[in-house]
Amino acid sequence: MAAPSEGTPWAPGPGRPKDIPEATVVLNQRIIARESLDSSVPAALKLKKRIKRFALDNELDHLPIGDIVSVALDEWLTTRGF
């Protein structure tokens, strides 16, 4: 079975807008204006459990889930021209 990114006929965008900075630039700022992005994810992926295990295995008190999601979505949109 093809992965959704391979099998779905996504309409390509015009390219990453020039006024949007790279995610790493934004995330390295001391103060970041944020907005909420509410999303449900497939339970079968057990993302919450895996994130907790990752944090425990790496002795992290805080895992910046918002930053991780930001990078993933930014890369996903950029590769599609948005």
C-alpha atoms as a PDB file:
ATOM      1  CA  MET A   1       0.000   0.000   0.000  1.00  0.00           C
ATOM      2  CA  ALA A   2       1.363   3.425  -0.904  1.00  0.00           C
ATOM      3  CA  ALA A   3       2.021   5.949   1.838  1.00  0.00           C
ATOM      4  CA  PRO A   4      -0.517   8.807   1.882  1.00  0.00           C
ATOM      5  CA  SER A   5       2.151  11.270   0.769  1.00  0.00           C
ATOM      6  CA  GLU A   6       2.933   9.080  -2.264  1.00  0.00           C
ATOM      7  CA  GLY A   7      -0.510   7.912  -3.323  1.00  0.00           C
ATOM      8  CA  THR A   8      -2.628  11.017  -2.746  1.00  0.00           C
ATOM      9  CA  PRO A   9      -2.691  13.466  -5.644  1.00  0.00           C
ATOM     10  CA  TRP A  10      -1.773  16.548  -3.605  1.00  0.00           C
ATOM     11  CA  ALA A  11      -2.042  19.815  -5.461  1.00  0.00           C
ATOM     12  CA  PRO A  12       1.412  21.384  -5.441  1.00  0.00           C
ATOM     13  CA  GLY A  13       1.674  24.831  -3.972  1.00  0.00           C
ATOM     14  CA  PRO A  14       3.370  27.876  -5.467  1.00  0.00           C
ATOM     15  CA  GLY A  15       6.366  27.463  -3.151  1.00  0.00           C
ATOM     16  CA  ARG A  16       7.134  28.381   0.409  1.00  0.00           C
ATOM     17  CA  PRO A  17       6.046  31.984   1.005  1.00  0.00           C
ATOM     18  CA  LYS A  18       9.030  34.326   1.230  1.00  0.00           C
ATOM     19  CA  ASP A  19       7.762  35.976   4.424  1.00  0.00           C
ATOM     20  CA  ILE A  20       7.799  32.740   6.453  1.00  0.00           C
ATOM     21  CA  PRO A  21      11.104  32.113   8.245  1.00  0.00           C
ATOM     22  CA  GLU A  22      12.675  28.682   8.639  1.00  0.00           C
ATOM     23  CA  ALA A  23      11.402  26.720  11.665  1.00  0.00           C
ATOM     24  CA  THR A  24      14.872  26.559  13.228  1.00  0.00           C
ATOM     25  CA  VAL A  25      15.169  30.357  13.104  1.00  0.00           C
ATOM     26  CA  VAL A  26      11.836  30.813  14.860  1.00  0.00           C
ATOM     27  CA  LEU A  27      12.434  28.080  17.442  1.00  0.00           C
ATOM     28  CA  ASN A  28      15.827  29.533  18.391  1.00  0.00           C
ATOM     29  CA  GLN A  29      14.261  32.845  19.420  1.00  0.00           C
ATOM     30  CA  ARG A  30      14.002  33.595  23.130  1.00  0.00           C
ATOM     31  CA  ILE A  31      10.357  34.666  22.977  1.00  0.00           C
ATOM     32  CA  ILE A  32       8.010  33.006  20.509  1.00  0.00           C
ATOM     33  CA  ALA A  33       4.422  34.067  19.830  1.00  0.00           C
ATOM     34  CA  ARG A  34       2.400  30.863  19.699  1.00  0.00           C
ATOM     35  CA  GLU A  35      -1.005  29.742  18.515  1.00  0.00           C
ATOM     36  CA  SER A  36      -2.936  26.594  19.372  1.00  0.00           C
ATOM     37  CA  LEU A  37      -3.189  23.769  16.860  1.00  0.00           C
ATOM     38  CA  ASP A  38      -5.644  21.134  18.014  1.00  0.00           C
ATOM     39  CA  SER A  39      -5.404  17.803  16.290  1.00  0.00           C
ATOM     40  CA  SER A  40      -6.350  14.241  17.024  1.00  0.00           C
ATOM     41  CA  VAL A  41      -4.003  11.488  15.934  1.00  0.00           C
ATOM     42  CA  PRO A  42      -4.567   7.784  15.228  1.00  0.00           C
ATOM     43  CA  ALA A  43      -4.580   5.844  18.511  1.00  0.00           C
ATOM     44  CA  ALA A  44      -2.934   2.874  16.793  1.00  0.00           C
ATOM     45  CA  LEU A  45       0.316   4.885  16.495  1.00  0.00           C
ATOM     46  CA  LYS A  46       0.470   5.212  20.293  1.00  0.00           C
ATOM     47  CA  LEU A  47       2.204   8.564  19.947  1.00  0.00           C
ATOM     48  CA  LYS A  48       1.523   9.708  23.520  1.00  0.00           C
ATOM     49  CA  LYS A  49       3.015   6.529  24.963  1.00  0.00           C
ATOM     50  CA  ARG A  50       6.018   6.679  22.640  1.00  0.00           C
ATOM     51  CA  ILE A  51       6.655  10.339  23.456  1.00  0.00           C
ATOM     52  CA  LYS A  52       6.597   9.575  27.189  1.00  0.00           C
ATOM     53  CA  ARG A  53       8.971   6.630  26.686  1.00  0.00           C
ATOM     54  CA  PHE A  54      11.333   8.827  24.639  1.00  0.00           C
ATOM     55  CA  ALA A  55      11.368  11.476  27.375  1.00  0.00           C
ATOM     56  CA  LEU A  56      12.033   8.893  30.094  1.00  0.00           C
ATOM     57  CA  ASP A  57      14.765   7.123  28.137  1.00  0.00           C
ATOM     58  CA  ASN A  58      16.479  10.447  27.476  1.00  0.00           C
ATOM     59  CA  GLU A  59      15.981  11.761  31.024  1.00  0.00           C
ATOM     60  CA  LEU A  60      14.016  14.770  29.846  1.00  0.00           C
ATOM     61  CA  ASP A  61      11.793  16.674  32.274  1.00  0.00           C
ATOM     62  CA  HIS A  62      10.069  18.473  29.431  1.00  0.00           C
ATOM     63  CA  LEU A  63       9.632  17.447  25.824  1.00  0.00           C
ATOM     64  CA  PRO A  64       8.786  20.381  23.530  1.00  0.00           C
ATOM     65  CA  ILE A  65       5.977  18.639  21.661  1.00  0.00           C
ATOM     66  CA  GLY A  66       4.817  21.910  20.102  1.00  0.00           C
ATOM     67  CA  ASP A  67       8.280  22.494  18.651  1.00  0.00           C
ATOM     68  CA  ILE A  68       8.463  18.933  17.312  1.00  0.00           C
ATOM     69  CA  VAL A  69       5.039  19.279  15.665  1.00  0.00           C
ATOM     70  CA  SER A  70       6.046  22.682  14.261  1.00  0.00           C
ATOM     71  CA  VAL A  71       9.147  21.273  12.565  1.00  0.00           C
ATOM     72  CA  ALA A  72       7.288  18.235  11.209  1.00  0.00           C
ATOM     73  CA  LEU A  73       4.393  20.271   9.779  1.00  0.00           C
ATOM     74  CA  ASP A  74       6.691  22.968   8.421  1.00  0.00           C
ATOM     75  CA  GLU A  75       8.787  20.381   6.564  1.00  0.00           C
ATOM     76  CA  TRP A  76       5.688  18.577   5.308  1.00  0.00           C
ATOM     77  CA  LEU A  77       4.120  21.791   3.967  1.00  0.00           C
ATOM     78  CA  THR A  78       7.380  23.105   2.518  1.00  0.00           C
ATOM     79  CA  THR A  79       7.997  19.911   0.524  1.00  0.00           C
ATOM     80  CA  ARG A  80       4.547  20.376  -0.975  1.00  0.00           C
ATOM     81  CA  GLY A  81       5.147  23.995  -1.916  1.00  0.00           C
ATOM     82  CA  PHE A  82       3.214  25.729   0.841  1.00  0.00           C
END
